[in-house]
C-alpha cells in the first residue's frame, strides 16, 4: 500500500482555500511596554494582526462531536484556515477577522498527519 503524501494534501487544501476563501487576520493581544524608557510603567495589551486565508462555513452536528465539552450556540461557524498562510498557531481566546467581522475563536483543531500541517479548523462566534 503506497504511503500518502500529506504535502500534496496540504497543497490541495491551500489551493481550495485560495480559490474559495478570503483574506483574514488572526488577532491576538500582545503585551507592549507603555513607555520604553520607563519599563516600571508596565505593559498594555495591543491587538496585533497576523494575515491568513480562510473559508467561513456553517457548523454541523458532526462537527460538534469533535468538541464534546464545547457549549453550542446557534450562531457558531467554523473557519478553515490555510496554515501555510499563517505565521502563528491560532489559539482559543484569539480573534479572527473575516470579511470585516471579528469572530472569537472558541475551539481549534489542526489536521496534521505525519507532522504535516494541512489545515486549521477554527470554531468561531460573534
PDB file of N, CA and C in Angstrom:
ATOM      1  N   UNK A   1       0.848  -1.173   0.000  1.00  0.00           N
ATOM      2  CA  UNK A   1       0.000   0.000   0.000  1.00  0.00           C
ATOM      3  C   UNK A   1       0.897   1.241   0.000  1.00  0.00           C
ATOM      4  N   UNK A   2       0.718   2.155  -0.966  1.00  0.00           N
ATOM      5  CA  UNK A   2       1.581   3.340  -1.029  1.00  0.00           C
ATOM      6  C   UNK A   2       1.274   4.313   0.113  1.00  0.00           C
ATOM      7  N   UNK A   3       2.309   4.997   0.538  1.00  0.00           N
ATOM      8  CA  UNK A   3       2.131   6.000   1.584  1.00  0.00           C
ATOM      9  C   UNK A   3       1.504   7.250   0.990  1.00  0.00           C
ATOM     10  N   UNK A   4       0.694   7.904   1.785  1.00  0.00           N
ATOM     11  CA  UNK A   4       0.069   9.153   1.357  1.00  0.00           C
ATOM     12  C   UNK A   4       1.094  10.282   1.468  1.00  0.00           C
ATOM     13  N   UNK A   5       1.122  11.144   0.479  1.00  0.00           N
ATOM     14  CA  UNK A   5       1.991  12.310   0.524  1.00  0.00           C
ATOM     15  C   UNK A   5       1.162  13.477   1.070  1.00  0.00           C
ATOM     16  N   UNK A   6       1.287  13.725   2.360  1.00  0.00           N
ATOM     17  CA  UNK A   6       0.468  14.754   3.003  1.00  0.00           C
ATOM     18  C   UNK A   6       0.830  16.157   2.530  1.00  0.00           C
ATOM     19  N   UNK A   7       2.020  16.320   1.995  1.00  0.00           N
ATOM     20  CA  UNK A   7       2.365  17.625   1.423  1.00  0.00           C
ATOM     21  C   UNK A   7       1.464  17.940   0.233  1.00  0.00           C
ATOM     22  N   UNK A   8       1.112  16.912  -0.554  1.00  0.00           N
ATOM     23  CA  UNK A   8       0.170  17.117  -1.661  1.00  0.00           C
ATOM     24  C   UNK A   8      -1.205  17.502  -1.132  1.00  0.00           C
ATOM     25  N   UNK A   9      -1.617  16.871  -0.018  1.00  0.00           N
ATOM     26  CA  UNK A   9      -2.903  17.217   0.591  1.00  0.00           C
ATOM     27  C   UNK A   9      -2.907  18.666   1.075  1.00  0.00           C
ATOM     28  N   UNK A  10      -1.800  19.081   1.668  1.00  0.00           N
ATOM     29  CA  UNK A  10      -1.693  20.469   2.140  1.00  0.00           C
ATOM     30  C   UNK A  10      -1.754  21.426   0.965  1.00  0.00           C
ATOM     31  N   UNK A  11      -1.110  21.079  -0.128  1.00  0.00           N
ATOM     32  CA  UNK A  11      -1.129  21.927  -1.317  1.00  0.00           C
ATOM     33  C   UNK A  11      -2.546  22.034  -1.879  1.00  0.00           C
ATOM     34  N   UNK A  12      -3.263  20.914  -1.931  1.00  0.00           N
ATOM     35  CA  UNK A  12      -4.643  20.926  -2.416  1.00  0.00           C
ATOM     36  C   UNK A  12      -5.527  21.775  -1.511  1.00  0.00           C
ATOM     37  N   UNK A  13      -5.372  21.617  -0.203  1.00  0.00           N
ATOM     38  CA  UNK A  13      -6.160  22.417   0.745  1.00  0.00           C
ATOM     39  C   UNK A  13      -5.885  23.899   0.526  1.00  0.00           C
ATOM     40  N   UNK A  14      -4.622  24.232   0.343  1.00  0.00           N
ATOM     41  CA  UNK A  14      -4.260  25.637   0.125  1.00  0.00           C
ATOM     42  C   UNK A  14      -4.888  26.176  -1.156  1.00  0.00           C
ATOM     43  N   UNK A  15      -4.831  25.399  -2.220  1.00  0.00           N
ATOM     44  CA  UNK A  15      -5.414  25.844  -3.495  1.00  0.00           C
ATOM     45  C   UNK A  15      -6.920  26.070  -3.367  1.00  0.00           C
ATOM     46  N   UNK A  16      -7.604  25.188  -2.660  1.00  0.00           N
ATOM     47  CA  UNK A  16      -9.047  25.342  -2.481  1.00  0.00           C
ATOM     48  C   UNK A  16      -9.386  26.561  -1.623  1.00  0.00           C
ATOM     49  N   UNK A  17      -8.606  26.780  -0.564  1.00  0.00           N
ATOM     50  CA  UNK A  17      -8.847  27.945   0.289  1.00  0.00           C
ATOM     51  C   UNK A  17      -8.550  29.229  -0.474  1.00  0.00           C
ATOM     52  N   UNK A  18      -7.494  29.217  -1.293  1.00  0.00           N
ATOM     53  CA  UNK A  18      -7.205  30.401  -2.109  1.00  0.00           C
ATOM     54  C   UNK A  18      -8.336  30.687  -3.093  1.00  0.00           C
ATOM     55  N   UNK A  19      -8.926  29.620  -3.663  1.00  0.00           N
ATOM     56  CA  UNK A  19      -9.974  29.806  -4.658  1.00  0.00           C
ATOM     57  C   UNK A  19     -11.295  30.240  -4.037  1.00  0.00           C
ATOM     58  N   UNK A  20     -11.673  29.623  -2.917  1.00  0.00           N
ATOM     59  CA  UNK A  20     -12.989  29.866  -2.344  1.00  0.00           C
ATOM     60  C   UNK A  20     -12.975  30.715  -1.083  1.00  0.00           C
ATOM     61  N   UNK A  21     -11.804  31.001  -0.565  1.00  0.00           N
ATOM     62  CA  UNK A  21     -11.704  31.741   0.689  1.00  0.00           C
ATOM     63  C   UNK A  21     -11.492  33.223   0.481  1.00  0.00           C
ATOM     64  N   UNK A  22     -11.123  33.865   1.564  1.00  0.00           N
ATOM     65  CA  UNK A  22     -10.875  35.298   1.551  1.00  0.00           C
ATOM     66  C   UNK A  22      -9.724  35.605   2.504  1.00  0.00           C
ATOM     67  N   UNK A  23      -9.160  36.799   2.339  1.00  0.00           N
ATOM     68  CA  UNK A  23      -8.109  37.223   3.260  1.00  0.00           C
ATOM     69  C   UNK A  23      -8.717  37.449   4.641  1.00  0.00           C
ATOM     70  N   UNK A  24      -8.016  36.978   5.647  1.00  0.00           N
ATOM     71  CA  UNK A  24      -8.440  37.107   7.045  1.00  0.00           C
ATOM     72  C   UNK A  24      -7.247  37.589   7.866  1.00  0.00           C
ATOM     73  N   UNK A  25      -7.502  37.833   9.138  1.00  0.00           N
ATOM     74  CA  UNK A  25      -6.419  38.153  10.081  1.00  0.00           C
ATOM     75  C   UNK A  25      -6.728  37.512  11.418  1.00  0.00           C
ATOM     76  N   UNK A  26      -5.766  36.774  11.941  1.00  0.00           N
ATOM     77  CA  UNK A  26      -5.843  36.316  13.330  1.00  0.00           C
ATOM     78  C   UNK A  26      -5.377  37.487  14.185  1.00  0.00           C
ATOM     79  N   UNK A  27      -6.122  37.785  15.233  1.00  0.00           N
ATOM     80  CA  UNK A  27      -5.799  38.920  16.090  1.00  0.00           C
ATOM     81  C   UNK A  27      -5.537  38.395  17.497  1.00  0.00           C
ATOM     82  N   UNK A  28      -4.358  38.715  18.013  1.00  0.00           N
ATOM     83  CA  UNK A  28      -4.073  38.370  19.404  1.00  0.00           C
ATOM     84  C   UNK A  28      -3.519  39.600  20.101  1.00  0.00           C
ATOM     85  N   UNK A  29      -3.802  39.697  21.386  1.00  0.00           N
ATOM     86  CA  UNK A  29      -3.271  40.797  22.184  1.00  0.00           C
ATOM     87  C   UNK A  29      -1.873  40.443  22.637  1.00  0.00           C
ATOM     88  N   UNK A  30      -0.969  41.382  22.456  1.00  0.00           N
ATOM     89  CA  UNK A  30       0.413  41.178  22.865  1.00  0.00           C
ATOM     90  C   UNK A  30       0.810  42.310  23.790  1.00  0.00           C
ATOM     91  N   UNK A  31       1.522  41.963  24.848  1.00  0.00           N
ATOM     92  CA  UNK A  31       1.977  42.966  25.800  1.00  0.00           C
ATOM     93  C   UNK A  31       3.079  43.830  25.214  1.00  0.00           C
ATOM     94  N   UNK A  32       2.874  45.122  25.277  1.00  0.00           N
ATOM     95  CA  UNK A  32       3.849  46.083  24.776  1.00  0.00           C
ATOM     96  C   UNK A  32       4.110  47.098  25.881  1.00  0.00           C
ATOM     97  N   UNK A  33       5.382  47.439  26.090  1.00  0.00           N
ATOM     98  CA  UNK A  33       5.713  48.426  27.114  1.00  0.00           C
ATOM     99  C   UNK A  33       5.001  49.739  26.819  1.00  0.00           C
ATOM    100  N   UNK A  34       4.417  50.322  27.857  1.00  0.00           N
ATOM    101  CA  UNK A  34       3.749  51.612  27.704  1.00  0.00           C
ATOM    102  C   UNK A  34       4.762  52.688  27.337  1.00  0.00           C
ATOM    103  N   UNK A  35       5.929  52.628  27.978  1.00  0.00           N
ATOM    104  CA  UNK A  35       6.991  53.610  27.703  1.00  0.00           C
ATOM    105  C   UNK A  35       8.321  52.868  27.766  1.00  0.00           C
ATOM    106  N   UNK A  36       9.003  52.760  26.620  1.00  0.00           N
ATOM    107  CA  UNK A  36      10.282  52.030  26.572  1.00  0.00           C
ATOM    108  C   UNK A  36      11.315  52.581  27.543  1.00  0.00           C
ATOM    109  N   UNK A  37      11.258  53.868  27.820  1.00  0.00           N
ATOM    110  CA  UNK A  37      12.253  54.481  28.703  1.00  0.00           C
ATOM    111  C   UNK A  37      11.893  54.320  30.171  1.00  0.00           C
ATOM    112  N   UNK A  38      10.648  53.877  30.447  1.00  0.00           N
ATOM    113  CA  UNK A  38      10.191  53.698  31.832  1.00  0.00           C
ATOM    114  C   UNK A  38       9.468  52.357  31.962  1.00  0.00           C
ATOM    115  N   UNK A  39      10.231  51.254  31.957  1.00  0.00           N
ATOM    116  CA  UNK A  39       9.591  49.937  31.967  1.00  0.00           C
ATOM    117  C   UNK A  39       8.761  49.672  33.215  1.00  0.00           C
ATOM    118  N   UNK A  40       8.960  50.413  34.270  1.00  0.00           N
ATOM    119  CA  UNK A  40       8.194  50.216  35.502  1.00  0.00           C
ATOM    120  C   UNK A  40       6.730  50.649  35.318  1.00  0.00           C
ATOM    121  N   UNK A  41       6.438  51.351  34.220  1.00  0.00           N
ATOM    122  CA  UNK A  41       5.040  51.700  33.926  1.00  0.00           C
ATOM    123  C   UNK A  41       4.235  50.467  33.520  1.00  0.00           C
ATOM    124  N   UNK A  42       4.943  49.392  33.147  1.00  0.00           N
ATOM    125  CA  UNK A  42       4.264  48.152  32.793  1.00  0.00           C
ATOM    126  C   UNK A  42       3.933  48.045  31.314  1.00  0.00           C
ATOM    127  N   UNK A  43       3.084  47.075  31.036  1.00  0.00           N
ATOM    128  CA  UNK A  43       2.702  46.808  29.657  1.00  0.00           C
ATOM    129  C   UNK A  43       1.213  47.025  29.469  1.00  0.00           C
ATOM    130  N   UNK A  44       0.840  47.227  28.217  1.00  0.00           N
ATOM    131  CA  UNK A  44      -0.569  47.240  27.859  1.00  0.00           C
ATOM    132  C   UNK A  44      -0.766  46.246  26.726  1.00  0.00           C
ATOM    133  N   UNK A  45      -1.961  45.682  26.661  1.00  0.00           N
ATOM    134  CA  UNK A  45      -2.250  44.740  25.587  1.00  0.00           C
ATOM    135  C   UNK A  45      -2.663  45.498  24.342  1.00  0.00           C
ATOM    136  N   UNK A  46      -1.962  45.227  23.261  1.00  0.00           N
ATOM    137  CA  UNK A  46      -2.300  45.817  21.976  1.00  0.00           C
ATOM    138  C   UNK A  46      -2.629  44.699  20.995  1.00  0.00           C
ATOM    139  N   UNK A  47      -3.706  44.860  20.230  1.00  0.00           N
ATOM    140  CA  UNK A  47      -4.038  43.829  19.245  1.00  0.00           C
ATOM    141  C   UNK A  47      -3.046  43.849  18.084  1.00  0.00           C
ATOM    142  N   UNK A  48      -2.535  42.662  17.752  1.00  0.00           N
ATOM    143  CA  UNK A  48      -1.615  42.510  16.626  1.00  0.00           C
ATOM    144  C   UNK A  48      -2.264  41.541  15.645  1.00  0.00           C
ATOM    145  N   UNK A  49      -2.287  41.905  14.360  1.00  0.00           N
ATOM    146  CA  UNK A  49      -2.929  41.094  13.327  1.00  0.00           C
ATOM    147  C   UNK A  49      -1.904  40.260  12.572  1.00  0.00           C
ATOM    148  N   UNK A  50      -2.285  39.016  12.287  1.00  0.00           N
ATOM    149  CA  UNK A  50      -1.478  38.098  11.504  1.00  0.00           C
ATOM    150  C   UNK A  50      -2.308  37.647  10.306  1.00  0.00           C
ATOM    151  N   UNK A  51      -1.914  38.042   9.101  1.00  0.00           N
ATOM    152  CA  UNK A  51      -2.729  37.725   7.926  1.00  0.00           C
ATOM    153  C   UNK A  51      -2.764  36.226   7.621  1.00  0.00           C
ATOM    154  N   UNK A  52      -3.882  35.810   7.057  1.00  0.00           N
ATOM    155  CA  UNK A  52      -4.054  34.423   6.636  1.00  0.00           C
ATOM    156  C   UNK A  52      -5.182  34.374   5.609  1.00  0.00           C
ATOM    157  N   UNK A  53      -5.504  33.182   5.149  1.00  0.00           N
ATOM    158  CA  UNK A  53      -6.631  32.983   4.259  1.00  0.00           C
ATOM    159  C   UNK A  53      -7.534  31.929   4.862  1.00  0.00           C
ATOM    160  N   UNK A  54      -8.858  32.134   4.720  1.00  0.00           N
ATOM    161  CA  UNK A  54      -9.787  31.177   5.292  1.00  0.00           C
ATOM    162  C   UNK A  54     -11.126  31.165   4.597  1.00  0.00           C
ATOM    163  N   UNK A  55     -11.882  30.101   4.880  1.00  0.00           N
ATOM    164  CA  UNK A  55     -13.220  29.911   4.335  1.00  0.00           C
ATOM    165  C   UNK A  55     -14.188  29.781   5.504  1.00  0.00           C
ATOM    166  N   UNK A  56     -15.232  30.604   5.518  1.00  0.00           N
ATOM    167  CA  UNK A  56     -16.251  30.578   6.565  1.00  0.00           C
ATOM    168  C   UNK A  56     -17.342  29.586   6.172  1.00  0.00           C
ATOM    169  N   UNK A  57     -17.660  28.654   7.086  1.00  0.00           N
ATOM    170  CA  UNK A  57     -18.660  27.623   6.818  1.00  0.00           C
ATOM    171  C   UNK A  57     -19.592  27.461   8.001  1.00  0.00           C
ATOM    172  N   UNK A  58     -20.747  26.860   7.752  1.00  0.00           N
ATOM    173  CA  UNK A  58     -21.666  26.516   8.834  1.00  0.00           C
ATOM    174  C   UNK A  58     -21.119  25.323   9.603  1.00  0.00           C
ATOM    175  N   UNK A  59     -21.599  25.168  10.827  1.00  0.00           N
ATOM    176  CA  UNK A  59     -21.181  24.058  11.684  1.00  0.00           C
ATOM    177  C   UNK A  59     -22.275  22.996  11.661  1.00  0.00           C
ATOM    178  N   UNK A  60     -21.874  21.739  11.563  1.00  0.00           N
ATOM    179  CA  UNK A  60     -22.838  20.635  11.559  1.00  0.00           C
ATOM    180  C   UNK A  60     -22.808  19.908  12.904  1.00  0.00           C
ATOM    181  N   UNK A  61     -23.796  19.058  13.118  1.00  0.00           N
ATOM    182  CA  UNK A  61     -23.807  18.244  14.337  1.00  0.00           C
ATOM    183  C   UNK A  61     -22.562  17.359  14.402  1.00  0.00           C
ATOM    184  N   UNK A  62     -22.105  16.901  13.259  1.00  0.00           N
ATOM    185  CA  UNK A  62     -20.887  16.077  13.206  1.00  0.00           C
ATOM    186  C   UNK A  62     -19.678  16.862  13.719  1.00  0.00           C
ATOM    187  N   UNK A  63     -19.621  18.157  13.376  1.00  0.00           N
ATOM    188  CA  UNK A  63     -18.522  18.994  13.847  1.00  0.00           C
ATOM    189  C   UNK A  63     -18.520  19.088  15.371  1.00  0.00           C
ATOM    190  N   UNK A  64     -19.702  19.235  15.957  1.00  0.00           N
ATOM    191  CA  UNK A  64     -19.782  19.386  17.410  1.00  0.00           C
ATOM    192  C   UNK A  64     -19.306  18.131  18.140  1.00  0.00           C
ATOM    193  N   UNK A  65     -19.407  16.974  17.501  1.00  0.00           N
ATOM    194  CA  UNK A  65     -18.943  15.739  18.142  1.00  0.00           C
ATOM    195  C   UNK A  65     -17.430  15.748  18.372  1.00  0.00           C
ATOM    196  N   UNK A  66     -16.716  16.556  17.590  1.00  0.00           N
ATOM    197  CA  UNK A  66     -15.268  16.671  17.782  1.00  0.00           C
ATOM    198  C   UNK A  66     -14.930  17.445  19.061  1.00  0.00           C
ATOM    199  N   UNK A  67     -15.900  18.210  19.554  1.00  0.00           N
ATOM    200  CA  UNK A  67     -15.687  19.066  20.731  1.00  0.00           C
ATOM    201  C   UNK A  67     -16.817  18.828  21.727  1.00  0.00           C
ATOM    202  N   UNK A  68     -16.831  17.691  22.408  1.00  0.00           N
ATOM    203  CA  UNK A  68     -17.958  17.371  23.286  1.00  0.00           C
ATOM    204  C   UNK A  68     -18.122  18.332  24.464  1.00  0.00           C
ATOM    205  N   UNK A  69     -17.070  19.027  24.863  1.00  0.00           N
ATOM    206  CA  UNK A  69     -17.162  19.947  26.007  1.00  0.00           C
ATOM    207  C   UNK A  69     -17.516  21.370  25.591  1.00  0.00           C
ATOM    208  N   UNK A  70     -17.699  21.597  24.307  1.00  0.00           N
ATOM    209  CA  UNK A  70     -17.990  22.942  23.813  1.00  0.00           C
ATOM    210  C   UNK A  70     -19.485  23.227  23.940  1.00  0.00           C
ATOM    211  N   UNK A  71     -19.822  24.325  24.603  1.00  0.00           N
ATOM    212  CA  UNK A  71     -21.209  24.758  24.664  1.00  0.00           C
ATOM    213  C   UNK A  71     -21.592  25.296  23.291  1.00  0.00           C
ATOM    214  N   UNK A  72     -22.658  24.769  22.730  1.00  0.00           N
ATOM    215  CA  UNK A  72     -23.035  25.161  21.380  1.00  0.00           C
ATOM    216  C   UNK A  72     -23.922  26.395  21.395  1.00  0.00           C
ATOM    217  N   UNK A  73     -23.735  27.212  20.377  1.00  0.00           N
ATOM    218  CA  UNK A  73     -24.532  28.419  20.172  1.00  0.00           C
ATOM    219  C   UNK A  73     -25.015  28.378  18.734  1.00  0.00           C
ATOM    220  N   UNK A  74     -26.253  28.773  18.503  1.00  0.00           N
ATOM    221  CA  UNK A  74     -26.819  28.638  17.156  1.00  0.00           C
ATOM    222  C   UNK A  74     -26.058  29.441  16.108  1.00  0.00           C
ATOM    223  N   UNK A  75     -25.373  30.497  16.508  1.00  0.00           N
ATOM    224  CA  UNK A  75     -24.644  31.338  15.547  1.00  0.00           C
ATOM    225  C   UNK A  75     -23.205  30.870  15.313  1.00  0.00           C
ATOM    226  N   UNK A  76     -22.823  29.717  15.889  1.00  0.00           N
ATOM    227  CA  UNK A  76     -21.469  29.207  15.688  1.00  0.00           C
ATOM    228  C   UNK A  76     -21.182  28.982  14.213  1.00  0.00           C
ATOM    229  N   UNK A  77     -19.955  29.228  13.837  1.00  0.00           N
ATOM    230  CA  UNK A  77     -19.458  28.960  12.484  1.00  0.00           C
ATOM    231  C   UNK A  77     -18.096  28.301  12.629  1.00  0.00           C
ATOM    232  N   UNK A  78     -17.557  27.858  11.514  1.00  0.00           N
ATOM    233  CA  UNK A  78     -16.181  27.384  11.513  1.00  0.00           C
ATOM    234  C   UNK A  78     -15.463  28.047  10.344  1.00  0.00           C
ATOM    235  N   UNK A  79     -14.191  28.301  10.553  1.00  0.00           N
ATOM    236  CA  UNK A  79     -13.358  28.873   9.508  1.00  0.00           C
ATOM    237  C   UNK A  79     -12.197  27.919   9.280  1.00  0.00           C
ATOM    238  N   UNK A  80     -12.075  27.465   8.033  1.00  0.00           N
ATOM    239  CA  UNK A  80     -10.947  26.627   7.647  1.00  0.00           C
ATOM    240  C   UNK A  80      -9.825  27.549   7.209  1.00  0.00           C
ATOM    241  N   UNK A  81      -8.671  27.412   7.843  1.00  0.00           N
ATOM    242  CA  UNK A  81      -7.552  28.324   7.606  1.00  0.00           C
ATOM    243  C   UNK A  81      -6.376  27.554   7.018  1.00  0.00           C
ATOM    244  N   UNK A  82      -5.783  28.151   6.011  1.00  0.00           N
ATOM    245  CA  UNK A  82      -4.575  27.604   5.396  1.00  0.00           C
ATOM    246  C   UNK A  82      -3.400  27.842   6.337  1.00  0.00           C
ATOM    247  N   UNK A  83      -2.773  26.799   6.867  1.00  0.00           N
ATOM    248  CA  UNK A  83      -1.671  27.000   7.823  1.00  0.00           C
ATOM    249  C   UNK A  83      -0.431  27.614   7.190  1.00  0.00           C
ATOM    250  N   UNK A  84      -0.255  27.423   5.887  1.00  0.00           N
ATOM    251  CA  UNK A  84       0.924  27.971   5.229  1.00  0.00           C
ATOM    252  C   UNK A  84       0.854  29.495   5.183  1.00  0.00           C
ATOM    253  N   UNK A  85      -0.380  30.031   5.133  1.00  0.00           N
ATOM    254  CA  UNK A  85      -0.546  31.486   5.053  1.00  0.00           C
ATOM    255  C   UNK A  85      -0.426  32.154   6.423  1.00  0.00           C
ATOM    256  N   UNK A  86      -0.287  31.380   7.487  1.00  0.00           N
ATOM    257  CA  UNK A  86      -0.342  31.913   8.851  1.00  0.00           C
ATOM    258  C   UNK A  86       0.994  31.726   9.552  1.00  0.00           C
ATOM    259  N   UNK A  87       1.490  32.797  10.188  1.00  0.00           N
ATOM    260  CA  UNK A  87       2.799  32.725  10.838  1.00  0.00           C
ATOM    261  C   UNK A  87       2.731  32.367  12.322  1.00  0.00           C
ATOM    262  N   UNK A  88       1.525  32.212  12.876  1.00  0.00           N
ATOM    263  CA  UNK A  88       1.363  31.808  14.278  1.00  0.00           C
ATOM    264  C   UNK A  88       0.381  30.643  14.339  1.00  0.00           C
ATOM    265  N   UNK A  89       0.322  29.990  15.483  1.00  0.00           N
ATOM    266  CA  UNK A  89      -0.692  28.962  15.702  1.00  0.00           C
ATOM    267  C   UNK A  89      -1.911  29.609  16.351  1.00  0.00           C
ATOM    268  N   UNK A  90      -3.089  29.481  15.746  1.00  0.00           N
ATOM    269  CA  UNK A  90      -4.285  30.060  16.366  1.00  0.00           C
ATOM    270  C   UNK A  90      -4.615  29.347  17.670  1.00  0.00           C
ATOM    271  N   UNK A  91      -5.154  30.101  18.621  1.00  0.00           N
ATOM    272  CA  UNK A  91      -5.486  29.546  19.927  1.00  0.00           C
ATOM    273  C   UNK A  91      -6.827  30.090  20.391  1.00  0.00           C
ATOM    274  N   UNK A  92      -7.464  29.334  21.282  1.00  0.00           N
ATOM    275  CA  UNK A  92      -8.697  29.800  21.910  1.00  0.00           C
ATOM    276  C   UNK A  92      -8.395  31.114  22.619  1.00  0.00           C
ATOM    277  N   UNK A  93      -9.266  32.075  22.453  1.00  0.00           N
ATOM    278  CA  UNK A  93      -9.071  33.390  23.058  1.00  0.00           C
ATOM    279  C   UNK A  93      -8.614  34.434  22.055  1.00  0.00           C
ATOM    280  N   UNK A  94      -8.018  33.989  20.960  1.00  0.00           N
ATOM    281  CA  UNK A  94      -7.676  34.917  19.889  1.00  0.00           C
ATOM    282  C   UNK A  94      -8.958  35.251  19.127  1.00  0.00           C
ATOM    283  N   UNK A  95      -8.856  36.204  18.237  1.00  0.00           N
ATOM    284  CA  UNK A  95      -9.966  36.545  17.348  1.00  0.00           C
ATOM    285  C   UNK A  95      -9.500  36.363  15.909  1.00  0.00           C
ATOM    286  N   UNK A  96     -10.469  36.248  15.025  1.00  0.00           N
ATOM    287  CA  UNK A  96     -10.163  36.239  13.600  1.00  0.00           C
ATOM    288  C   UNK A  96     -11.122  37.202  12.919  1.00  0.00           C
ATOM    289  N   UNK A  97     -10.558  38.056  12.083  1.00  0.00           N
ATOM    290  CA  UNK A  97     -11.375  38.977  11.313  1.00  0.00           C
ATOM    291  C   UNK A  97     -11.582  38.372   9.935  1.00  0.00           C
ATOM    292  N   UNK A  98     -12.831  38.120   9.605  1.00  0.00           N
ATOM    293  CA  UNK A  98     -13.195  37.536   8.311  1.00  0.00           C
ATOM    294  C   UNK A  98     -14.261  38.417   7.693  1.00  0.00           C
ATOM    295  N   UNK A  99     -13.978  38.992   6.537  1.00  0.00           N
ATOM    296  CA  UNK A  99     -14.909  39.891   5.833  1.00  0.00           C
ATOM    297  C   UNK A  99     -15.369  41.047   6.720  1.00  0.00           C
ATOM    298  N   UNK A 100     -14.452  41.588   7.525  1.00  0.00           N
ATOM    299  CA  UNK A 100     -14.773  42.760   8.335  1.00  0.00           C
ATOM    300  C   UNK A 100     -15.464  42.460   9.650  1.00  0.00           C
ATOM    301  N   UNK A 101     -15.705  41.194   9.953  1.00  0.00           N
ATOM    302  CA  UNK A 101     -16.358  40.812  11.209  1.00  0.00           C
ATOM    303  C   UNK A 101     -15.340  40.130  12.095  1.00  0.00           C
ATOM    304  N   UNK A 102     -15.257  40.568  13.346  1.00  0.00           N
ATOM    305  CA  UNK A 102     -14.384  39.921  14.324  1.00  0.00           C
ATOM    306  C   UNK A 102     -15.131  38.757  14.961  1.00  0.00           C
ATOM    307  N   UNK A 103     -14.547  37.583  14.858  1.00  0.00           N
ATOM    308  CA  UNK A 103     -15.093  36.364  15.448  1.00  0.00           C
ATOM    309  C   UNK A 103     -14.167  35.922  16.574  1.00  0.00           C
ATOM    310  N   UNK A 104     -14.733  35.517  17.705  1.00  0.00           N
ATOM    311  CA  UNK A 104     -13.946  34.949  18.800  1.00  0.00           C
ATOM    312  C   UNK A 104     -13.677  33.479  18.498  1.00  0.00           C
ATOM    313  N   UNK A 105     -12.435  33.050  18.661  1.00  0.00           N
ATOM    314  CA  UNK A 105     -12.082  31.645  18.455  1.00  0.00           C
ATOM    315  C   UNK A 105     -12.381  30.892  19.749  1.00  0.00           C
ATOM    316  N   UNK A 106     -13.301  29.910  19.668  1.00  0.00           N
ATOM    317  CA  UNK A 106     -13.716  29.174  20.864  1.00  0.00           C
ATOM    318  C   UNK A 106     -13.200  27.738  20.880  1.00  0.00           C
ATOM    319  N   UNK A 107     -12.718  27.250  19.751  1.00  0.00           N
ATOM    320  CA  UNK A 107     -12.106  25.917  19.682  1.00  0.00           C
ATOM    321  C   UNK A 107     -11.204  25.865  18.453  1.00  0.00           C
ATOM    322  N   UNK A 108     -10.146  25.077  18.559  1.00  0.00           N
ATOM    323  CA  UNK A 108      -9.166  24.967  17.477  1.00  0.00           C
ATOM    324  C   UNK A 108      -8.835  23.490  17.275  1.00  0.00           C
ATOM    325  N   UNK A 109      -8.806  23.092  16.019  1.00  0.00           N
ATOM    326  CA  UNK A 109      -8.377  21.727  15.692  1.00  0.00           C
ATOM    327  C   UNK A 109      -7.476  21.800  14.471  1.00  0.00           C
ATOM    328  N   UNK A 110      -6.325  21.158  14.582  1.00  0.00           N
ATOM    329  CA  UNK A 110      -5.437  21.125  13.421  1.00  0.00           C
ATOM    330  C   UNK A 110      -5.484  19.743  12.792  1.00  0.00           C
ATOM    331  N   UNK A 111      -5.352  19.717  11.485  1.00  0.00           N
ATOM    332  CA  UNK A 111      -5.220  18.476  10.743  1.00  0.00           C
ATOM    333  C   UNK A 111      -3.748  18.386  10.379  1.00  0.00           C
ATOM    334  N   UNK A 112      -3.050  17.479  11.068  1.00  0.00           N
ATOM    335  CA  UNK A 112      -1.593  17.441  10.949  1.00  0.00           C
ATOM    336  C   UNK A 112      -1.084  15.998  10.902  1.00  0.00           C
ATOM    337  N   UNK A 113      -1.458  15.249   9.853  1.00  0.00           N
ATOM    338  CA  UNK A 113      -0.971  13.872   9.768  1.00  0.00           C
ATOM    339  C   UNK A 113       0.523  13.842   9.447  1.00  0.00           C
ATOM    340  N   UNK A 114       1.220  12.916  10.059  1.00  0.00           N
ATOM    341  CA  UNK A 114       2.667  12.747   9.843  1.00  0.00           C
ATOM    342  C   UNK A 114       3.410  14.073  10.006  1.00  0.00           C
ATOM    343  N   UNK A 115       2.890  14.901  10.918  1.00  0.00           N
ATOM    344  CA  UNK A 115       3.501  16.199  11.247  1.00  0.00           C
ATOM    345  C   UNK A 115       3.522  17.187  10.068  1.00  0.00           C
ATOM    346  N   UNK A 116       2.611  17.000   9.116  1.00  0.00           N
ATOM    347  CA  UNK A 116       2.443  17.942   8.005  1.00  0.00           C
ATOM    348  C   UNK A 116       1.171  18.735   8.276  1.00  0.00           C
ATOM    349  N   UNK A 117       1.315  20.031   8.504  1.00  0.00           N
ATOM    350  CA  UNK A 117       0.170  20.869   8.835  1.00  0.00           C
ATOM    351  C   UNK A 117      -0.649  21.128   7.570  1.00  0.00           C
ATOM    352  N   UNK A 118      -1.812  20.463   7.469  1.00  0.00           N
ATOM    353  CA  UNK A 118      -2.656  20.529   6.278  1.00  0.00           C
ATOM    354  C   UNK A 118      -3.706  21.619   6.405  1.00  0.00           C
ATOM    355  N   UNK A 119      -4.298  21.769   7.606  1.00  0.00           N
ATOM    356  CA  UNK A 119      -5.465  22.635   7.742  1.00  0.00           C
ATOM    357  C   UNK A 119      -5.725  22.959   9.213  1.00  0.00           C
ATOM    358  N   UNK A 120      -6.166  24.190   9.486  1.00  0.00           N
ATOM    359  CA  UNK A 120      -6.665  24.565  10.808  1.00  0.00           C
ATOM    360  C   UNK A 120      -8.184  24.708  10.707  1.00  0.00           C
ATOM    361  N   UNK A 121      -8.914  24.129  11.644  1.00  0.00           N
ATOM    362  CA  UNK A 121     -10.353  24.346  11.748  1.00  0.00           C
ATOM    363  C   UNK A 121     -10.596  25.150  13.020  1.00  0.00           C
ATOM    364  N   UNK A 122     -11.159  26.337  12.849  1.00  0.00           N
ATOM    365  CA  UNK A 122     -11.437  27.215  13.989  1.00  0.00           C
ATOM    366  C   UNK A 122     -12.941  27.307  14.184  1.00  0.00           C
ATOM    367  N   UNK A 123     -13.426  26.962  15.372  1.00  0.00           N
ATOM    368  CA  UNK A 123     -14.807  27.216  15.711  1.00  0.00           C
ATOM    369  C   UNK A 123     -14.883  28.648  16.227  1.00  0.00           C
ATOM    370  N   UNK A 124     -15.812  29.414  15.674  1.00  0.00           N
ATOM    371  CA  UNK A 124     -15.861  30.831  15.989  1.00  0.00           C
ATOM    372  C   UNK A 124     -17.296  31.280  16.289  1.00  0.00           C
ATOM    373  N   UNK A 125     -17.393  32.390  17.013  1.00  0.00           N
ATOM    374  CA  UNK A 125     -18.702  33.010  17.247  1.00  0.00           C
ATOM    375  C   UNK A 125     -18.514  34.506  17.437  1.00  0.00           C
ATOM    376  N   UNK A 126     -19.571  35.235  17.149  1.00  0.00           N
ATOM    377  CA  UNK A 126     -19.509  36.702  17.292  1.00  0.00           C
ATOM    378  C   UNK A 126     -19.917  37.093  18.692  1.00  0.00           C
TER     379      UNK A 126
END
